[in-house]
Amino acid sequence: MRDILLTAVRAHASGHIQKHKANVEVYLQNAVGVGEHADIIDTIEKELDELARYTDQVDMIDKYFKEIKV
């Protein structure tokens, strides 16, 4: 059960990482296509905050919940 739960949380976080990376790439490549966002820098910073959040989750799983192989 432990492995299933950790795998699910990691997969969820990884999916969000990919989503927020893609969003930043869109803003960097085509800022014109983001008309509803007047402040592109602020929007990118928010995406980076979310990216950091989910990256931290993956890092915490790897650091504190990794199976110890003997």
N, C-alpha and C. Protein backbone atom coordinates (compact mmCIF):
# COMPACT_ATOMS: atom_id res chain seq x y z
N MET A 1 0.82 -1.19 0.00
CA MET A 1 0.00 0.00 0.00
C MET A 1 0.87 1.26 0.00
N ARG A 2 1.94 1.22 0.79
CA ARG A 2 2.85 2.35 0.88
C ARG A 2 3.38 2.75 -0.50
N ASP A 3 3.85 1.77 -1.26
CA ASP A 3 4.40 2.05 -2.58
C ASP A 3 3.35 2.61 -3.54
N ILE A 4 2.14 2.08 -3.45
CA ILE A 4 1.06 2.56 -4.31
C ILE A 4 0.77 4.03 -4.03
N LEU A 5 0.69 4.39 -2.74
CA LEU A 5 0.40 5.77 -2.37
C LEU A 5 1.52 6.72 -2.77
N LEU A 6 2.76 6.32 -2.50
CA LEU A 6 3.89 7.17 -2.88
C LEU A 6 3.99 7.32 -4.39
N THR A 7 3.74 6.25 -5.11
CA THR A 7 3.77 6.31 -6.57
C THR A 7 2.68 7.25 -7.09
N ALA A 8 1.51 7.19 -6.49
CA ALA A 8 0.40 8.06 -6.92
C ALA A 8 0.72 9.53 -6.65
N VAL A 9 1.24 9.83 -5.47
CA VAL A 9 1.57 11.22 -5.14
C VAL A 9 2.68 11.73 -6.07
N ARG A 10 3.68 10.87 -6.31
CA ARG A 10 4.78 11.26 -7.19
C ARG A 10 4.29 11.49 -8.62
N ALA A 11 3.42 10.63 -9.11
CA ALA A 11 2.88 10.78 -10.46
C ALA A 11 2.05 12.05 -10.58
N HIS A 12 1.26 12.32 -9.56
CA HIS A 12 0.44 13.54 -9.54
C HIS A 12 1.34 14.78 -9.61
N ALA A 13 2.37 14.81 -8.77
CA ALA A 13 3.30 15.94 -8.75
C ALA A 13 4.03 16.06 -10.08
N SER A 14 4.46 14.93 -10.64
CA SER A 14 5.17 14.95 -11.91
C SER A 14 4.31 15.50 -13.04
N GLY A 15 3.04 15.15 -13.03
CA GLY A 15 2.12 15.70 -14.02
C GLY A 15 1.99 17.21 -13.92
N HIS A 16 1.92 17.71 -12.70
CA HIS A 16 1.84 19.16 -12.49
C HIS A 16 3.14 19.84 -12.89
N ILE A 17 4.26 19.19 -12.64
CA ILE A 17 5.55 19.75 -13.06
C ILE A 17 5.55 19.94 -14.58
N GLN A 18 5.13 18.92 -15.30
CA GLN A 18 5.09 19.01 -16.77
C GLN A 18 4.14 20.11 -17.23
N LYS A 19 2.99 20.22 -16.57
CA LYS A 19 2.01 21.25 -16.94
C LYS A 19 2.59 22.65 -16.76
N HIS A 20 3.21 22.91 -15.62
CA HIS A 20 3.72 24.25 -15.34
C HIS A 20 4.95 24.57 -16.18
N LYS A 21 5.77 23.57 -16.48
CA LYS A 21 6.89 23.78 -17.40
C LYS A 21 6.37 24.16 -18.78
N ALA A 22 5.35 23.47 -19.23
CA ALA A 22 4.76 23.77 -20.54
C ALA A 22 4.19 25.18 -20.57
N ASN A 23 3.51 25.57 -19.49
CA ASN A 23 2.96 26.92 -19.43
C ASN A 23 4.05 27.99 -19.54
N VAL A 24 5.14 27.80 -18.81
CA VAL A 24 6.24 28.76 -18.87
C VAL A 24 6.80 28.81 -20.29
N GLU A 25 6.96 27.66 -20.92
CA GLU A 25 7.47 27.65 -22.31
C GLU A 25 6.54 28.41 -23.25
N VAL A 26 5.24 28.24 -23.07
CA VAL A 26 4.27 28.97 -23.90
C VAL A 26 4.44 30.47 -23.70
N TYR A 27 4.54 30.91 -22.44
CA TYR A 27 4.71 32.34 -22.16
C TYR A 27 6.01 32.86 -22.75
N LEU A 28 7.08 32.08 -22.68
CA LEU A 28 8.36 32.52 -23.21
C LEU A 28 8.39 32.56 -24.74
N GLN A 29 7.70 31.62 -25.36
CA GLN A 29 7.71 31.53 -26.82
C GLN A 29 6.68 32.41 -27.50
N ASN A 30 5.54 32.65 -26.81
CA ASN A 30 4.43 33.33 -27.46
C ASN A 30 3.64 34.14 -26.44
N ALA A 31 4.25 35.15 -25.89
CA ALA A 31 3.58 35.97 -24.88
C ALA A 31 2.34 36.66 -25.43
N VAL A 32 2.28 36.89 -26.73
CA VAL A 32 1.12 37.54 -27.34
C VAL A 32 -0.14 36.69 -27.16
N GLY A 33 0.03 35.37 -27.12
CA GLY A 33 -1.11 34.48 -27.00
C GLY A 33 -1.71 34.44 -25.60
N VAL A 34 -1.19 35.25 -24.71
CA VAL A 34 -1.67 35.26 -23.34
C VAL A 34 -2.24 36.63 -23.03
N GLY A 35 -3.24 37.02 -23.80
CA GLY A 35 -3.82 38.35 -23.70
C GLY A 35 -4.42 38.68 -22.35
N GLU A 36 -4.96 37.70 -21.65
CA GLU A 36 -5.61 37.99 -20.38
C GLU A 36 -4.61 38.23 -19.25
N HIS A 37 -3.33 38.02 -19.54
CA HIS A 37 -2.29 38.24 -18.53
C HIS A 37 -1.52 39.51 -18.88
N ALA A 38 -1.86 40.60 -18.20
CA ALA A 38 -1.23 41.88 -18.50
C ALA A 38 0.24 41.89 -18.08
N ASP A 39 0.57 41.21 -17.00
CA ASP A 39 1.93 41.19 -16.50
C ASP A 39 2.52 39.80 -16.71
N ILE A 40 3.22 39.64 -17.81
CA ILE A 40 3.77 38.33 -18.19
C ILE A 40 4.78 37.85 -17.15
N ILE A 41 5.63 38.75 -16.66
CA ILE A 41 6.63 38.36 -15.66
C ILE A 41 5.96 37.82 -14.41
N ASP A 42 4.93 38.50 -13.94
CA ASP A 42 4.19 38.05 -12.76
C ASP A 42 3.56 36.68 -13.02
N THR A 43 3.04 36.49 -14.19
CA THR A 43 2.42 35.21 -14.55
C THR A 43 3.46 34.09 -14.57
N ILE A 44 4.63 34.37 -15.14
CA ILE A 44 5.70 33.36 -15.16
C ILE A 44 6.15 33.05 -13.74
N GLU A 45 6.27 34.08 -12.90
CA GLU A 45 6.67 33.85 -11.51
C GLU A 45 5.67 32.94 -10.79
N LYS A 46 4.40 33.12 -11.04
CA LYS A 46 3.38 32.27 -10.42
C LYS A 46 3.52 30.82 -10.90
N GLU A 47 3.79 30.66 -12.18
CA GLU A 47 4.00 29.31 -12.72
C GLU A 47 5.25 28.68 -12.09
N LEU A 48 6.30 29.46 -11.92
CA LEU A 48 7.52 28.95 -11.30
C LEU A 48 7.29 28.57 -9.84
N ASP A 49 6.45 29.34 -9.14
CA ASP A 49 6.11 28.99 -7.76
C ASP A 49 5.42 27.63 -7.70
N GLU A 50 4.50 27.40 -8.62
CA GLU A 50 3.81 26.11 -8.67
C GLU A 50 4.77 24.99 -9.06
N LEU A 51 5.65 25.28 -10.00
CA LEU A 51 6.66 24.31 -10.41
C LEU A 51 7.54 23.94 -9.22
N ALA A 52 7.95 24.93 -8.44
CA ALA A 52 8.77 24.68 -7.26
C ALA A 52 8.01 23.84 -6.23
N ARG A 53 6.73 24.14 -6.07
CA ARG A 53 5.90 23.40 -5.10
C ARG A 53 5.90 21.91 -5.40
N TYR A 54 5.64 21.56 -6.64
CA TYR A 54 5.56 20.15 -7.01
C TYR A 54 6.93 19.49 -7.09
N THR A 55 7.95 20.26 -7.47
CA THR A 55 9.30 19.72 -7.46
C THR A 55 9.72 19.41 -6.03
N ASP A 56 9.36 20.28 -5.11
CA ASP A 56 9.65 20.03 -3.69
C ASP A 56 8.97 18.74 -3.21
N GLN A 57 7.74 18.51 -3.64
CA GLN A 57 7.05 17.29 -3.23
C GLN A 57 7.81 16.05 -3.70
N VAL A 58 8.24 16.05 -4.95
CA VAL A 58 9.00 14.91 -5.48
C VAL A 58 10.31 14.76 -4.71
N ASP A 59 10.99 15.87 -4.45
CA ASP A 59 12.24 15.82 -3.70
C ASP A 59 12.04 15.27 -2.29
N MET A 60 10.95 15.65 -1.64
CA MET A 60 10.67 15.18 -0.28
C MET A 60 10.37 13.68 -0.27
N ILE A 61 9.66 13.22 -1.27
CA ILE A 61 9.40 11.77 -1.38
C ILE A 61 10.73 11.04 -1.52
N ASP A 62 11.57 11.54 -2.42
CA ASP A 62 12.86 10.89 -2.66
C ASP A 62 13.76 10.94 -1.42
N LYS A 63 13.72 12.04 -0.71
CA LYS A 63 14.61 12.20 0.44
C LYS A 63 14.15 11.43 1.67
N TYR A 64 12.86 11.49 1.97
CA TYR A 64 12.37 10.96 3.25
C TYR A 64 11.63 9.63 3.16
N PHE A 65 11.18 9.26 1.98
CA PHE A 65 10.35 8.07 1.89
C PHE A 65 10.88 7.03 0.92
N LYS A 66 12.10 7.21 0.47
CA LYS A 66 12.72 6.24 -0.43
C LYS A 66 12.94 4.93 0.34
N GLU A 67 12.69 3.85 -0.32
CA GLU A 67 12.91 2.54 0.29
C GLU A 67 14.40 2.33 0.50
N ILE A 68 14.77 1.91 1.68
CA ILE A 68 16.17 1.64 1.98
C ILE A 68 16.48 0.20 1.61
N LYS A 69 17.37 0.02 0.65
CA LYS A 69 17.76 -1.32 0.19
C LYS A 69 19.04 -1.72 0.92
N VAL A 70 19.01 -2.90 1.54
CA VAL A 70 20.19 -3.38 2.26
C VAL A 70 20.84 -4.53 1.52
